[in-house]
Amino acid sequence: MPDSDQLAISGDPAEVRELLAMLRRDAELRAARPELVVPEPVSGQLGGVADTITALVTNDAVLSAATTTVGVWLGARIRPTRIRVKRGETEVEVETVSGKRAETYARELLDKLSEPGE
């Protein structure tokens, strides 16, 4: 999909599923097609554990809605979570354990990727 951003969120599998449900409840965010990524099983495992959500974001309004939802979700968490946003060749990744900073991180990612020339 041209001119799209890839948003990837990793964390505890049960909590990531809760976030996926939140993203899918929002009509605007459903267009980003959020889905769980199931890794290939490691030798000796019955199957991989889905602990990452990916979504394709095609405009700033959807990216803003996604970062707001992720910020709210992070604010309720106490475990470390990585957020990675990729636009073209530019990729930004943030790991946080502070719920108080979650919304700020999400907004900073959005602002940086929305700057002209990015």
C-alpha atoms as a PDB file:
ATOM      1  CA  MET A   1       0.000   0.000   0.000  1.00  0.00           C
ATOM      2  CA  PRO A   2       1.701   3.237  -1.078  1.00  0.00           C
ATOM      3  CA  ASP A   3       2.131   6.136   1.338  1.00  0.00           C
ATOM      4  CA  SER A   4       1.278   4.105   4.406  1.00  0.00           C
ATOM      5  CA  ASP A   5       2.884   3.899   7.832  1.00  0.00           C
ATOM      6  CA  GLN A   6       3.396   0.611   9.605  1.00  0.00           C
ATOM      7  CA  LEU A   7       2.572   0.681  13.289  1.00  0.00           C
ATOM      8  CA  ALA A   8       3.780  -2.268  15.405  1.00  0.00           C
ATOM      9  CA  ILE A   9       3.060  -2.715  19.121  1.00  0.00           C
ATOM     10  CA  SER A  10       4.553  -5.553  21.182  1.00  0.00           C
ATOM     11  CA  GLY A  11       3.846  -6.610  24.735  1.00  0.00           C
ATOM     12  CA  ASP A  12       2.318  -9.289  26.914  1.00  0.00           C
ATOM     13  CA  PRO A  13       0.170 -11.535  24.654  1.00  0.00           C
ATOM     14  CA  ALA A  14      -3.005 -11.153  26.750  1.00  0.00           C
ATOM     15  CA  GLU A  15      -2.654  -7.376  26.970  1.00  0.00           C
ATOM     16  CA  VAL A  16      -1.849  -7.067  23.264  1.00  0.00           C
ATOM     17  CA  ARG A  17      -5.127  -8.874  22.516  1.00  0.00           C
ATOM     18  CA  GLU A  18      -6.952  -6.308  24.685  1.00  0.00           C
ATOM     19  CA  LEU A  19      -5.375  -3.508  22.634  1.00  0.00           C
ATOM     20  CA  LEU A  20      -6.342  -5.254  19.398  1.00  0.00           C
ATOM     21  CA  ALA A  21      -9.961  -5.340  20.592  1.00  0.00           C
ATOM     22  CA  MET A  22      -9.784  -1.604  21.400  1.00  0.00           C
ATOM     23  CA  LEU A  23      -8.380  -0.802  17.952  1.00  0.00           C
ATOM     24  CA  ARG A  24     -11.030  -2.883  16.212  1.00  0.00           C
ATOM     25  CA  ARG A  25     -13.875  -1.175  18.111  1.00  0.00           C
ATOM     26  CA  ASP A  26     -12.975   2.152  16.493  1.00  0.00           C
ATOM     27  CA  ALA A  27     -14.490   2.404  12.984  1.00  0.00           C
ATOM     28  CA  GLU A  28     -11.690   4.678  11.755  1.00  0.00           C
ATOM     29  CA  LEU A  29      -8.981   2.352  13.069  1.00  0.00           C
ATOM     30  CA  ARG A  30     -10.566  -0.785  11.589  1.00  0.00           C
ATOM     31  CA  ALA A  31      -9.572   0.644   8.190  1.00  0.00           C
ATOM     32  CA  ALA A  32      -5.927   0.253   9.294  1.00  0.00           C
ATOM     33  CA  ARG A  33      -6.542  -3.518   9.465  1.00  0.00           C
ATOM     34  CA  PRO A  34      -4.879  -4.159  12.834  1.00  0.00           C
ATOM     35  CA  GLU A  35      -3.888  -7.806  13.198  1.00  0.00           C
ATOM     36  CA  LEU A  36      -1.850 -10.096  15.419  1.00  0.00           C
ATOM     37  CA  VAL A  37       1.478 -11.314  14.133  1.00  0.00           C
ATOM     38  CA  VAL A  38       2.053 -14.978  14.951  1.00  0.00           C
ATOM     39  CA  PRO A  39       5.755 -15.812  14.712  1.00  0.00           C
ATOM     40  CA  GLU A  40       7.005 -19.100  13.354  1.00  0.00           C
ATOM     41  CA  PRO A  41       7.367 -21.631  16.188  1.00  0.00           C
ATOM     42  CA  VAL A  42      10.850 -22.263  17.508  1.00  0.00           C
ATOM     43  CA  SER A  43      12.094 -25.840  17.310  1.00  0.00           C
ATOM     44  CA  GLY A  44      10.342 -27.864  19.983  1.00  0.00           C
ATOM     45  CA  GLN A  45       7.368 -25.458  20.322  1.00  0.00           C
ATOM     46  CA  LEU A  46       3.837 -26.348  19.290  1.00  0.00           C
ATOM     47  CA  GLY A  47       3.217 -22.842  17.983  1.00  0.00           C
ATOM     48  CA  GLY A  48       4.320 -19.241  18.183  1.00  0.00           C
ATOM     49  CA  VAL A  49       2.856 -16.786  20.700  1.00  0.00           C
ATOM     50  CA  ALA A  50       1.216 -13.711  19.185  1.00  0.00           C
ATOM     51  CA  ASP A  51       2.602 -10.726  21.087  1.00  0.00           C
ATOM     52  CA  THR A  52       2.674  -8.066  18.357  1.00  0.00           C
ATOM     53  CA  ILE A  53      -0.025  -6.096  16.539  1.00  0.00           C
ATOM     54  CA  THR A  54       0.646  -4.485  13.189  1.00  0.00           C
ATOM     55  CA  ALA A  55      -1.509  -1.973  11.345  1.00  0.00           C
ATOM     56  CA  LEU A  56      -1.128   0.021   8.135  1.00  0.00           C
ATOM     57  CA  VAL A  57      -1.972   3.689   8.578  1.00  0.00           C
ATOM     58  CA  THR A  58      -2.664   5.667   5.413  1.00  0.00           C
ATOM     59  CA  ASN A  59      -3.311   9.175   6.743  1.00  0.00           C
ATOM     60  CA  ASP A  60      -2.540  11.444   9.684  1.00  0.00           C
ATOM     61  CA  ALA A  61      -6.078  11.266  11.105  1.00  0.00           C
ATOM     62  CA  VAL A  62      -5.870   7.483  11.441  1.00  0.00           C
ATOM     63  CA  LEU A  63      -2.330   7.732  12.850  1.00  0.00           C
ATOM     64  CA  SER A  64      -3.543  10.284  15.396  1.00  0.00           C
ATOM     65  CA  ALA A  65      -6.462   8.051  16.409  1.00  0.00           C
ATOM     66  CA  ALA A  66      -4.135   5.042  16.684  1.00  0.00           C
ATOM     67  CA  THR A  67      -1.559   6.855  18.802  1.00  0.00           C
ATOM     68  CA  THR A  68      -4.275   8.169  21.105  1.00  0.00           C
ATOM     69  CA  THR A  69      -5.695   4.658  21.591  1.00  0.00           C
ATOM     70  CA  VAL A  70      -2.221   3.200  22.135  1.00  0.00           C
ATOM     71  CA  GLY A  71      -1.434   6.014  24.592  1.00  0.00           C
ATOM     72  CA  VAL A  72      -4.554   5.256  26.636  1.00  0.00           C
ATOM     73  CA  TRP A  73      -3.715   1.546  26.582  1.00  0.00           C
ATOM     74  CA  LEU A  74      -0.117   2.200  27.661  1.00  0.00           C
ATOM     75  CA  GLY A  75      -1.300   4.498  30.435  1.00  0.00           C
ATOM     76  CA  ALA A  76      -3.136   1.582  32.021  1.00  0.00           C
ATOM     77  CA  ARG A  77      -0.117  -0.758  31.834  1.00  0.00           C
ATOM     78  CA  ILE A  78       2.802  -1.343  34.160  1.00  0.00           C
ATOM     79  CA  ARG A  79       4.864  -3.642  31.917  1.00  0.00           C
ATOM     80  CA  PRO A  80       7.434  -2.535  29.351  1.00  0.00           C
ATOM     81  CA  THR A  81       6.063  -2.079  25.840  1.00  0.00           C
ATOM     82  CA  ARG A  82       7.750  -1.200  22.563  1.00  0.00           C
ATOM     83  CA  ILE A  83       6.075   1.051  20.005  1.00  0.00           C
ATOM     84  CA  ARG A  84       7.509   1.178  16.479  1.00  0.00           C
ATOM     85  CA  VAL A  85       6.213   3.445  13.722  1.00  0.00           C
ATOM     86  CA  LYS A  86       7.670   3.283  10.220  1.00  0.00           C
ATOM     87  CA  ARG A  87       7.065   5.819   7.444  1.00  0.00           C
ATOM     88  CA  GLY A  88       8.983   5.079   4.285  1.00  0.00           C
ATOM     89  CA  GLU A  89      12.604   4.505   5.267  1.00  0.00           C
ATOM     90  CA  THR A  90      12.209   6.278   8.624  1.00  0.00           C
ATOM     91  CA  GLU A  91      11.565   4.085  11.651  1.00  0.00           C
ATOM     92  CA  VAL A  92      11.094   5.232  15.250  1.00  0.00           C
ATOM     93  CA  GLU A  93      10.956   2.834  18.196  1.00  0.00           C
ATOM     94  CA  VAL A  94      10.218   3.719  21.818  1.00  0.00           C
ATOM     95  CA  GLU A  95      10.151   1.418  24.827  1.00  0.00           C
ATOM     96  CA  THR A  96       8.409   2.629  27.947  1.00  0.00           C
ATOM     97  CA  VAL A  97       7.644   1.363  31.427  1.00  0.00           C
ATOM     98  CA  SER A  98       6.054   4.620  32.576  1.00  0.00           C
ATOM     99  CA  GLY A  99       2.327   4.865  32.066  1.00  0.00           C
ATOM    100  CA  LYS A 100       2.532   8.612  32.708  1.00  0.00           C
ATOM    101  CA  ARG A 101       4.796   9.077  29.680  1.00  0.00           C
ATOM    102  CA  ALA A 102       2.851   6.799  27.314  1.00  0.00           C
ATOM    103  CA  GLU A 103       0.598   9.471  25.809  1.00  0.00           C
ATOM    104  CA  THR A 104       3.544  11.848  25.453  1.00  0.00           C
ATOM    105  CA  TYR A 105       5.575   9.223  23.603  1.00  0.00           C
ATOM    106  CA  ALA A 106       2.696   8.447  21.267  1.00  0.00           C
ATOM    107  CA  ARG A 107       2.182  12.146  20.500  1.00  0.00           C
ATOM    108  CA  GLU A 108       5.915  12.736  19.951  1.00  0.00           C
ATOM    109  CA  LEU A 109       6.012   9.872  17.443  1.00  0.00           C
ATOM    110  CA  LEU A 110       3.056  11.319  15.584  1.00  0.00           C
ATOM    111  CA  ASP A 111       4.488  14.848  15.585  1.00  0.00           C
ATOM    112  CA  LYS A 112       7.895  13.738  14.306  1.00  0.00           C
ATOM    113  CA  LEU A 113       6.404  11.656  11.508  1.00  0.00           C
ATOM    114  CA  SER A 114       3.992  14.435  10.535  1.00  0.00           C
ATOM    115  CA  GLU A 115       6.739  17.047  10.031  1.00  0.00           C
ATOM    116  CA  PRO A 116       7.137  18.272   6.432  1.00  0.00           C
ATOM    117  CA  GLY A 117       9.757  16.370   4.511  1.00  0.00           C
ATOM    118  CA  GLU A 118       9.491  13.279   6.693  1.00  0.00           C
END
